[in-house]
Amino acid sequence: MNGFNADEYVPNQIIVKMRLRTEFFGEEKQYDEESAKILAYVVDKIADNVYVIKDDNISADPDGTLARYNNCKYVDYAELNRIMRFGA
């Protein structure tokens, strides 16, 4: 069977895509402050505005931790850093 399994994820890591700073005219200071808090834990940059973030709360409460990021108006989306395993 060809396919993949993405049920596993890297412990304590999520992928976060930040919205563009230019979307928040007049809120640049708030954007910078909130982004600095999130980006202080960057493990890797995947693409423009897309980062792997270390967050120790993921293992204990994945849904709550993801919700915290996804509820931030400066974050486009946050998701688990899934491990892709391709099978034969």
PDB file of N, CA and C in Angstrom:
ATOM      1  N   MET A   1       0.847  -1.188   0.000  1.00  0.00           N
ATOM      2  CA  MET A   1       0.000   0.000   0.000  1.00  0.00           C
ATOM      3  C   MET A   1       0.880   1.234   0.000  1.00  0.00           C
ATOM      4  N   ASN A   2       0.650   2.147  -0.899  1.00  0.00           N
ATOM      5  CA  ASN A   2       1.386   3.406  -0.922  1.00  0.00           C
ATOM      6  C   ASN A   2       0.630   4.425  -0.086  1.00  0.00           C
ATOM      7  N   GLY A   3       1.359   5.228   0.643  1.00  0.00           N
ATOM      8  CA  GLY A   3       0.726   6.226   1.476  1.00  0.00           C
ATOM      9  C   GLY A   3       1.669   6.715   2.540  1.00  0.00           C
ATOM     10  N   PHE A   4       1.116   7.460   3.461  1.00  0.00           N
ATOM     11  CA  PHE A   4       1.929   7.974   4.542  1.00  0.00           C
ATOM     12  C   PHE A   4       1.117   8.035   5.822  1.00  0.00           C
ATOM     13  N   ASN A   5       1.829   8.100   6.927  1.00  0.00           N
ATOM     14  CA  ASN A   5       1.214   8.179   8.243  1.00  0.00           C
ATOM     15  C   ASN A   5       1.730   9.441   8.919  1.00  0.00           C
ATOM     16  N   ALA A   6       0.828  10.303   9.336  1.00  0.00           N
ATOM     17  CA  ALA A   6       1.228  11.550   9.986  1.00  0.00           C
ATOM     18  C   ALA A   6       0.640  11.635  11.395  1.00  0.00           C
ATOM     19  N   ASP A   7       0.453  10.472  12.031  1.00  0.00           N
ATOM     20  CA  ASP A   7      -0.131  10.457  13.364  1.00  0.00           C
ATOM     21  C   ASP A   7       0.850  10.886  14.445  1.00  0.00           C
ATOM     22  N   GLU A   8       2.128  10.778  14.177  1.00  0.00           N
ATOM     23  CA  GLU A   8       3.143  11.145  15.148  1.00  0.00           C
ATOM     24  C   GLU A   8       3.586  12.584  14.904  1.00  0.00           C
ATOM     25  N   TYR A   9       4.057  13.206  15.967  1.00  0.00           N
ATOM     26  CA  TYR A   9       4.591  14.554  15.806  1.00  0.00           C
ATOM     27  C   TYR A   9       5.839  14.718  16.658  1.00  0.00           C
ATOM     28  N   VAL A  10       6.638  15.695  16.274  1.00  0.00           N
ATOM     29  CA  VAL A  10       7.874  15.979  16.997  1.00  0.00           C
ATOM     30  C   VAL A  10       7.496  16.553  18.358  1.00  0.00           C
ATOM     31  N   PRO A  11       7.968  15.945  19.435  1.00  0.00           N
ATOM     32  CA  PRO A  11       7.616  16.447  20.773  1.00  0.00           C
ATOM     33  C   PRO A  11       8.052  17.897  20.949  1.00  0.00           C
ATOM     34  N   ASN A  12       7.180  18.665  21.533  1.00  0.00           N
ATOM     35  CA  ASN A  12       7.458  20.050  21.923  1.00  0.00           C
ATOM     36  C   ASN A  12       7.766  20.984  20.757  1.00  0.00           C
ATOM     37  N   GLN A  13       7.273  20.661  19.568  1.00  0.00           N
ATOM     38  CA  GLN A  13       7.463  21.552  18.422  1.00  0.00           C
ATOM     39  C   GLN A  13       6.155  21.736  17.665  1.00  0.00           C
ATOM     40  N   ILE A  14       5.919  22.960  17.249  1.00  0.00           N
ATOM     41  CA  ILE A  14       4.789  23.266  16.389  1.00  0.00           C
ATOM     42  C   ILE A  14       5.278  24.117  15.226  1.00  0.00           C
ATOM     43  N   ILE A  15       4.482  24.147  14.188  1.00  0.00           N
ATOM     44  CA  ILE A  15       4.765  25.001  13.042  1.00  0.00           C
ATOM     45  C   ILE A  15       3.821  26.187  13.124  1.00  0.00           C
ATOM     46  N   VAL A  16       4.390  27.376  13.041  1.00  0.00           N
ATOM     47  CA  VAL A  16       3.610  28.608  13.142  1.00  0.00           C
ATOM     48  C   VAL A  16       3.875  29.462  11.909  1.00  0.00           C
ATOM     49  N   LYS A  17       2.786  29.916  11.288  1.00  0.00           N
ATOM     50  CA  LYS A  17       2.912  30.874  10.196  1.00  0.00           C
ATOM     51  C   LYS A  17       2.386  32.211  10.702  1.00  0.00           C
ATOM     52  N   MET A  18       3.267  33.196  10.700  1.00  0.00           N
ATOM     53  CA  MET A  18       2.902  34.538  11.145  1.00  0.00           C
ATOM     54  C   MET A  18       2.242  35.293   9.998  1.00  0.00           C
ATOM     55  N   ARG A  19       1.284  36.133  10.321  1.00  0.00           N
ATOM     56  CA  ARG A  19       0.706  37.014   9.312  1.00  0.00           C
ATOM     57  C   ARG A  19       1.705  38.139   9.043  1.00  0.00           C
ATOM     58  N   LEU A  20       1.541  38.803   7.948  1.00  0.00           N
ATOM     59  CA  LEU A  20       2.465  39.875   7.581  1.00  0.00           C
ATOM     60  C   LEU A  20       2.259  41.114   8.453  1.00  0.00           C
ATOM     61  N   ARG A  21       3.347  41.725   8.824  1.00  0.00           N
ATOM     62  CA  ARG A  21       3.307  42.931   9.658  1.00  0.00           C
ATOM     63  C   ARG A  21       2.525  44.040   8.966  1.00  0.00           C
ATOM     64  N   THR A  22       2.600  44.101   7.643  1.00  0.00           N
ATOM     65  CA  THR A  22       1.932  45.162   6.887  1.00  0.00           C
ATOM     66  C   THR A  22       0.404  45.069   6.960  1.00  0.00           C
ATOM     67  N   GLU A  23      -0.125  43.955   7.425  1.00  0.00           N
ATOM     68  CA  GLU A  23      -1.572  43.806   7.583  1.00  0.00           C
ATOM     69  C   GLU A  23      -2.100  44.566   8.793  1.00  0.00           C
ATOM     70  N   PHE A  24      -1.204  45.062   9.630  1.00  0.00           N
ATOM     71  CA  PHE A  24      -1.614  45.639  10.907  1.00  0.00           C
ATOM     72  C   PHE A  24      -1.175  47.088  11.033  1.00  0.00           C
ATOM     73  N   PHE A  25      -1.633  47.910  10.104  1.00  0.00           N
ATOM     74  CA  PHE A  25      -1.310  49.334  10.121  1.00  0.00           C
ATOM     75  C   PHE A  25      -1.781  49.953  11.435  1.00  0.00           C
ATOM     76  N   GLY A  26      -0.880  50.644  12.085  1.00  0.00           N
ATOM     77  CA  GLY A  26      -1.201  51.263  13.366  1.00  0.00           C
ATOM     78  C   GLY A  26      -0.983  50.341  14.552  1.00  0.00           C
ATOM     79  N   GLU A  27      -0.710  49.084  14.311  1.00  0.00           N
ATOM     80  CA  GLU A  27      -0.484  48.112  15.384  1.00  0.00           C
ATOM     81  C   GLU A  27       0.917  47.521  15.308  1.00  0.00           C
ATOM     82  N   GLU A  28       1.817  48.215  14.648  1.00  0.00           N
ATOM     83  CA  GLU A  28       3.157  47.675  14.444  1.00  0.00           C
ATOM     84  C   GLU A  28       3.859  47.344  15.759  1.00  0.00           C
ATOM     85  N   LYS A  29       3.700  48.210  16.754  1.00  0.00           N
ATOM     86  CA  LYS A  29       4.360  47.966  18.046  1.00  0.00           C
ATOM     87  C   LYS A  29       3.814  46.698  18.705  1.00  0.00           C
ATOM     88  N   GLN A  30       2.508  46.543  18.709  1.00  0.00           N
ATOM     89  CA  GLN A  30       1.897  45.351  19.296  1.00  0.00           C
ATOM     90  C   GLN A  30       2.303  44.097  18.519  1.00  0.00           C
ATOM     91  N   TYR A  31       2.317  44.203  17.189  1.00  0.00           N
ATOM     92  CA  TYR A  31       2.735  43.080  16.352  1.00  0.00           C
ATOM     93  C   TYR A  31       4.169  42.682  16.692  1.00  0.00           C
ATOM     94  N   ASP A  32       5.050  43.675  16.768  1.00  0.00           N
ATOM     95  CA  ASP A  32       6.455  43.396  17.066  1.00  0.00           C
ATOM     96  C   ASP A  32       6.629  42.736  18.431  1.00  0.00           C
ATOM     97  N   GLU A  33       5.897  43.220  19.423  1.00  0.00           N
ATOM     98  CA  GLU A  33       6.007  42.670  20.771  1.00  0.00           C
ATOM     99  C   GLU A  33       5.513  41.227  20.829  1.00  0.00           C
ATOM    100  N   GLU A  34       4.355  40.970  20.227  1.00  0.00           N
ATOM    101  CA  GLU A  34       3.792  39.614  20.256  1.00  0.00           C
ATOM    102  C   GLU A  34       4.646  38.661  19.424  1.00  0.00           C
ATOM    103  N   SER A  35       5.097  39.112  18.270  1.00  0.00           N
ATOM    104  CA  SER A  35       5.956  38.287  17.421  1.00  0.00           C
ATOM    105  C   SER A  35       7.254  37.944  18.130  1.00  0.00           C
ATOM    106  N   ALA A  36       7.825  38.905  18.843  1.00  0.00           N
ATOM    107  CA  ALA A  36       9.077  38.665  19.564  1.00  0.00           C
ATOM    108  C   ALA A  36       8.901  37.572  20.606  1.00  0.00           C
ATOM    109  N   LYS A  37       7.742  37.545  21.281  1.00  0.00           N
ATOM    110  CA  LYS A  37       7.473  36.500  22.269  1.00  0.00           C
ATOM    111  C   LYS A  37       7.433  35.120  21.608  1.00  0.00           C
ATOM    112  N   ILE A  38       6.757  35.044  20.471  1.00  0.00           N
ATOM    113  CA  ILE A  38       6.618  33.766  19.767  1.00  0.00           C
ATOM    114  C   ILE A  38       7.938  33.345  19.137  1.00  0.00           C
ATOM    115  N   LEU A  39       8.588  34.269  18.462  1.00  0.00           N
ATOM    116  CA  LEU A  39       9.797  33.946  17.715  1.00  0.00           C
ATOM    117  C   LEU A  39      11.025  33.774  18.601  1.00  0.00           C
ATOM    118  N   ALA A  40      10.892  34.033  19.880  1.00  0.00           N
ATOM    119  CA  ALA A  40      12.004  33.802  20.813  1.00  0.00           C
ATOM    120  C   ALA A  40      12.321  32.316  20.919  1.00  0.00           C
ATOM    121  N   TYR A  41      11.397  31.470  20.501  1.00  0.00           N
ATOM    122  CA  TYR A  41      11.558  30.025  20.634  1.00  0.00           C
ATOM    123  C   TYR A  41      11.685  29.315  19.278  1.00  0.00           C
ATOM    124  N   VAL A  42      12.158  30.045  18.263  1.00  0.00           N
ATOM    125  CA  VAL A  42      12.305  29.469  16.927  1.00  0.00           C
ATOM    126  C   VAL A  42      13.401  28.413  16.927  1.00  0.00           C
ATOM    127  N   VAL A  43      13.079  27.258  16.369  1.00  0.00           N
ATOM    128  CA  VAL A  43      14.038  26.180  16.164  1.00  0.00           C
ATOM    129  C   VAL A  43      14.576  26.259  14.741  1.00  0.00           C
ATOM    130  N   ASP A  44      13.670  26.596  13.800  1.00  0.00           N
ATOM    131  CA  ASP A  44      14.053  26.648  12.392  1.00  0.00           C
ATOM    132  C   ASP A  44      13.059  27.522  11.637  1.00  0.00           C
ATOM    133  N   LYS A  45      13.546  28.149  10.581  1.00  0.00           N
ATOM    134  CA  LYS A  45      12.669  28.897   9.679  1.00  0.00           C
ATOM    135  C   LYS A  45      12.462  28.026   8.449  1.00  0.00           C
ATOM    136  N   ILE A  46      11.199  27.739   8.120  1.00  0.00           N
ATOM    137  CA  ILE A  46      10.878  26.854   7.010  1.00  0.00           C
ATOM    138  C   ILE A  46      10.720  27.647   5.714  1.00  0.00           C
ATOM    139  N   ALA A  47      10.041  28.773   5.798  1.00  0.00           N
ATOM    140  CA  ALA A  47       9.770  29.630   4.641  1.00  0.00           C
ATOM    141  C   ALA A  47       9.501  31.032   5.181  1.00  0.00           C
ATOM    142  N   ASP A  48       9.183  31.953   4.289  1.00  0.00           N
ATOM    143  CA  ASP A  48       8.853  33.300   4.742  1.00  0.00           C
ATOM    144  C   ASP A  48       7.700  33.244   5.730  1.00  0.00           C
ATOM    145  N   ASN A  49       7.919  33.772   6.916  1.00  0.00           N
ATOM    146  CA  ASN A  49       6.919  33.849   7.984  1.00  0.00           C
ATOM    147  C   ASN A  49       6.449  32.496   8.506  1.00  0.00           C
ATOM    148  N   VAL A  50       7.144  31.406   8.192  1.00  0.00           N
ATOM    149  CA  VAL A  50       6.779  30.073   8.693  1.00  0.00           C
ATOM    150  C   VAL A  50       7.950  29.524   9.499  1.00  0.00           C
ATOM    151  N   TYR A  51       7.668  29.179  10.755  1.00  0.00           N
ATOM    152  CA  TYR A  51       8.722  28.797  11.688  1.00  0.00           C
ATOM    153  C   TYR A  51       8.362  27.521  12.444  1.00  0.00           C
ATOM    154  N   VAL A  52       9.383  26.779  12.831  1.00  0.00           N
ATOM    155  CA  VAL A  52       9.224  25.695  13.793  1.00  0.00           C
ATOM    156  C   VAL A  52       9.531  26.316  15.154  1.00  0.00           C
ATOM    157  N   ILE A  53       8.583  26.203  16.063  1.00  0.00           N
ATOM    158  CA  ILE A  53       8.681  26.811  17.388  1.00  0.00           C
ATOM    159  C   ILE A  53       8.764  25.714  18.439  1.00  0.00           C
ATOM    160  N   LYS A  54       9.626  25.902  19.421  1.00  0.00           N
ATOM    161  CA  LYS A  54       9.706  24.974  20.557  1.00  0.00           C
ATOM    162  C   LYS A  54       8.751  25.461  21.637  1.00  0.00           C
ATOM    163  N   ASP A  55       7.882  24.570  22.075  1.00  0.00           N
ATOM    164  CA  ASP A  55       6.956  24.891  23.162  1.00  0.00           C
ATOM    165  C   ASP A  55       6.756  23.644  24.004  1.00  0.00           C
ATOM    166  N   ASP A  56       7.246  23.676  25.225  1.00  0.00           N
ATOM    167  CA  ASP A  56       7.194  22.510  26.106  1.00  0.00           C
ATOM    168  C   ASP A  56       5.776  22.136  26.532  1.00  0.00           C
ATOM    169  N   ASN A  57       4.805  22.996  26.297  1.00  0.00           N
ATOM    170  CA  ASN A  57       3.425  22.706  26.682  1.00  0.00           C
ATOM    171  C   ASN A  57       2.716  21.774  25.706  1.00  0.00           C
ATOM    172  N   ILE A  58       3.288  21.572  24.525  1.00  0.00           N
ATOM    173  CA  ILE A  58       2.640  20.741  23.507  1.00  0.00           C
ATOM    174  C   ILE A  58       2.394  19.326  24.013  1.00  0.00           C
ATOM    175  N   SER A  59       3.371  18.720  24.644  1.00  0.00           N
ATOM    176  CA  SER A  59       3.225  17.330  25.098  1.00  0.00           C
ATOM    177  C   SER A  59       2.094  17.175  26.109  1.00  0.00           C
ATOM    178  N   ALA A  60       1.961  18.129  27.012  1.00  0.00           N
ATOM    179  CA  ALA A  60       0.952  18.041  28.057  1.00  0.00           C
ATOM    180  C   ALA A  60      -0.444  18.431  27.562  1.00  0.00           C
ATOM    181  N   ASP A  61      -0.517  19.428  26.684  1.00  0.00           N
ATOM    182  CA  ASP A  61      -1.812  19.941  26.238  1.00  0.00           C
ATOM    183  C   ASP A  61      -1.731  20.436  24.793  1.00  0.00           C
ATOM    184  N   PRO A  62      -1.675  19.506  23.819  1.00  0.00           N
ATOM    185  CA  PRO A  62      -1.523  19.928  22.424  1.00  0.00           C
ATOM    186  C   PRO A  62      -2.655  20.839  21.948  1.00  0.00           C
ATOM    187  N   ASP A  63      -3.893  20.488  22.248  1.00  0.00           N
ATOM    188  CA  ASP A  63      -5.022  21.281  21.760  1.00  0.00           C
ATOM    189  C   ASP A  63      -5.039  22.686  22.363  1.00  0.00           C
ATOM    190  N   GLY A  64      -4.810  22.770  23.650  1.00  0.00           N
ATOM    191  CA  GLY A  64      -4.797  24.077  24.312  1.00  0.00           C
ATOM    192  C   GLY A  64      -3.654  24.958  23.834  1.00  0.00           C
ATOM    193  N   THR A  65      -2.502  24.344  23.625  1.00  0.00           N
ATOM    194  CA  THR A  65      -1.338  25.111  23.174  1.00  0.00           C
ATOM    195  C   THR A  65      -1.553  25.617  21.756  1.00  0.00           C
ATOM    196  N   LEU A  66      -2.056  24.748  20.885  1.00  0.00           N
ATOM    197  CA  LEU A  66      -2.343  25.176  19.515  1.00  0.00           C
ATOM    198  C   LEU A  66      -3.399  26.281  19.501  1.00  0.00           C
ATOM    199  N   ALA A  67      -4.408  26.153  20.336  1.00  0.00           N
ATOM    200  CA  ALA A  67      -5.458  27.175  20.398  1.00  0.00           C
ATOM    201  C   ALA A  67      -4.884  28.526  20.815  1.00  0.00           C
ATOM    202  N   ARG A  68      -3.936  28.502  21.739  1.00  0.00           N
ATOM    203  CA  ARG A  68      -3.315  29.757  22.190  1.00  0.00           C
ATOM    204  C   ARG A  68      -2.647  30.478  21.022  1.00  0.00           C
ATOM    205  N   TYR A  69      -1.934  29.735  20.193  1.00  0.00           N
ATOM    206  CA  TYR A  69      -1.297  30.341  19.024  1.00  0.00           C
ATOM    207  C   TYR A  69      -2.331  30.741  17.981  1.00  0.00           C
ATOM    208  N   ASN A  70      -3.279  29.851  17.687  1.00  0.00           N
ATOM    209  CA  ASN A  70      -4.275  30.136  16.657  1.00  0.00           C
ATOM    210  C   ASN A  70      -5.209  31.277  17.034  1.00  0.00           C
ATOM    211  N   ASN A  71      -5.353  31.561  18.318  1.00  0.00           N
ATOM    212  CA  ASN A  71      -6.185  32.673  18.756  1.00  0.00           C
ATOM    213  C   ASN A  71      -5.452  34.012  18.737  1.00  0.00           C
ATOM    214  N   CYS A  72      -4.168  33.983  18.475  1.00  0.00           N
ATOM    215  CA  CYS A  72      -3.390  35.220  18.355  1.00  0.00           C
ATOM    216  C   CYS A  72      -3.650  35.803  16.971  1.00  0.00           C
ATOM    217  N   LYS A  73      -4.099  37.037  16.911  1.00  0.00           N
ATOM    218  CA  LYS A  73      -4.470  37.605  15.612  1.00  0.00           C
ATOM    219  C   LYS A  73      -3.286  37.814  14.680  1.00  0.00           C
ATOM    220  N   TYR A  74      -2.067  37.741  15.198  1.00  0.00           N
ATOM    221  CA  TYR A  74      -0.884  37.914  14.370  1.00  0.00           C
ATOM    222  C   TYR A  74      -0.386  36.589  13.779  1.00  0.00           C
ATOM    223  N   VAL A  75      -1.016  35.483  14.178  1.00  0.00           N
ATOM    224  CA  VAL A  75      -0.657  34.153  13.685  1.00  0.00           C
ATOM    225  C   VAL A  75      -1.681  33.732  12.640  1.00  0.00           C
ATOM    226  N   ASP A  76      -1.197  33.339  11.469  1.00  0.00           N
ATOM    227  CA  ASP A  76      -2.079  32.857  10.410  1.00  0.00           C
ATOM    228  C   ASP A  76      -2.574  31.455  10.765  1.00  0.00           C
ATOM    229  N   TYR A  77      -1.655  30.575  11.174  1.00  0.00           N
ATOM    230  CA  TYR A  77      -2.039  29.253  11.655  1.00  0.00           C
ATOM    231  C   TYR A  77      -0.908  28.638  12.462  1.00  0.00           C
ATOM    232  N   ALA A  78      -1.281  27.669  13.285  1.00  0.00           N
ATOM    233  CA  ALA A  78      -0.323  26.874  14.056  1.00  0.00           C
ATOM    234  C   ALA A  78      -0.776  25.425  13.964  1.00  0.00           C
ATOM    235  N   GLU A  79       0.191  24.526  13.803  1.00  0.00           N
ATOM    236  CA  GLU A  79      -0.134  23.101  13.716  1.00  0.00           C
ATOM    237  C   GLU A  79       1.008  22.288  14.296  1.00  0.00           C
ATOM    238  N   LEU A  80       0.722  21.046  14.630  1.00  0.00           N
ATOM    239  CA  LEU A  80       1.761  20.155  15.136  1.00  0.00           C
ATOM    240  C   LEU A  80       2.810  19.928  14.064  1.00  0.00           C
ATOM    241  N   ASN A  81       4.043  19.754  14.470  1.00  0.00           N
ATOM    242  CA  ASN A  81       5.133  19.425  13.548  1.00  0.00           C
ATOM    243  C   ASN A  81       5.099  17.914  13.348  1.00  0.00           C
ATOM    244  N   ARG A  82       4.311  17.486  12.402  1.00  0.00           N
ATOM    245  CA  ARG A  82       4.053  16.065  12.174  1.00  0.00           C
ATOM    246  C   ARG A  82       5.243  15.354  11.537  1.00  0.00           C
ATOM    247  N   ILE A  83       5.397  14.084  11.897  1.00  0.00           N
ATOM    248  CA  ILE A  83       6.420  13.217  11.318  1.00  0.00           C
ATOM    249  C   ILE A  83       5.756  12.427  10.195  1.00  0.00           C
ATOM    250  N   MET A  84       6.255  12.586   9.014  1.00  0.00           N
ATOM    251  CA  MET A  84       5.702  11.877   7.864  1.00  0.00           C
ATOM    252  C   MET A  84       6.481  10.591   7.652  1.00  0.00           C
ATOM    253  N   ARG A  85       5.803   9.484   7.659  1.00  0.00           N
ATOM    254  CA  ARG A  85       6.420   8.188   7.403  1.00  0.00           C
ATOM    255  C   ARG A  85       5.781   7.598   6.156  1.00  0.00           C
ATOM    256  N   PHE A  86       6.567   7.461   5.128  1.00  0.00           N
ATOM    257  CA  PHE A  86       6.063   6.909   3.869  1.00  0.00           C
ATOM    258  C   PHE A  86       6.236   5.393   3.876  1.00  0.00           C
ATOM    259  N   GLY A  87       5.199   4.702   3.501  1.00  0.00           N
ATOM    260  CA  GLY A  87       5.243   3.251   3.507  1.00  0.00           C
ATOM    261  C   GLY A  87       5.120   2.675   2.110  1.00  0.00           C
ATOM    262  N   ALA A  88       5.452   1.410   2.013  1.00  0.00           N
ATOM    263  CA  ALA A  88       5.381   0.732   0.697  1.00  0.00           C
ATOM    264  C   ALA A  88       4.077  -0.005   0.563  1.00  0.00           C
TER     265      ALA A  88
END
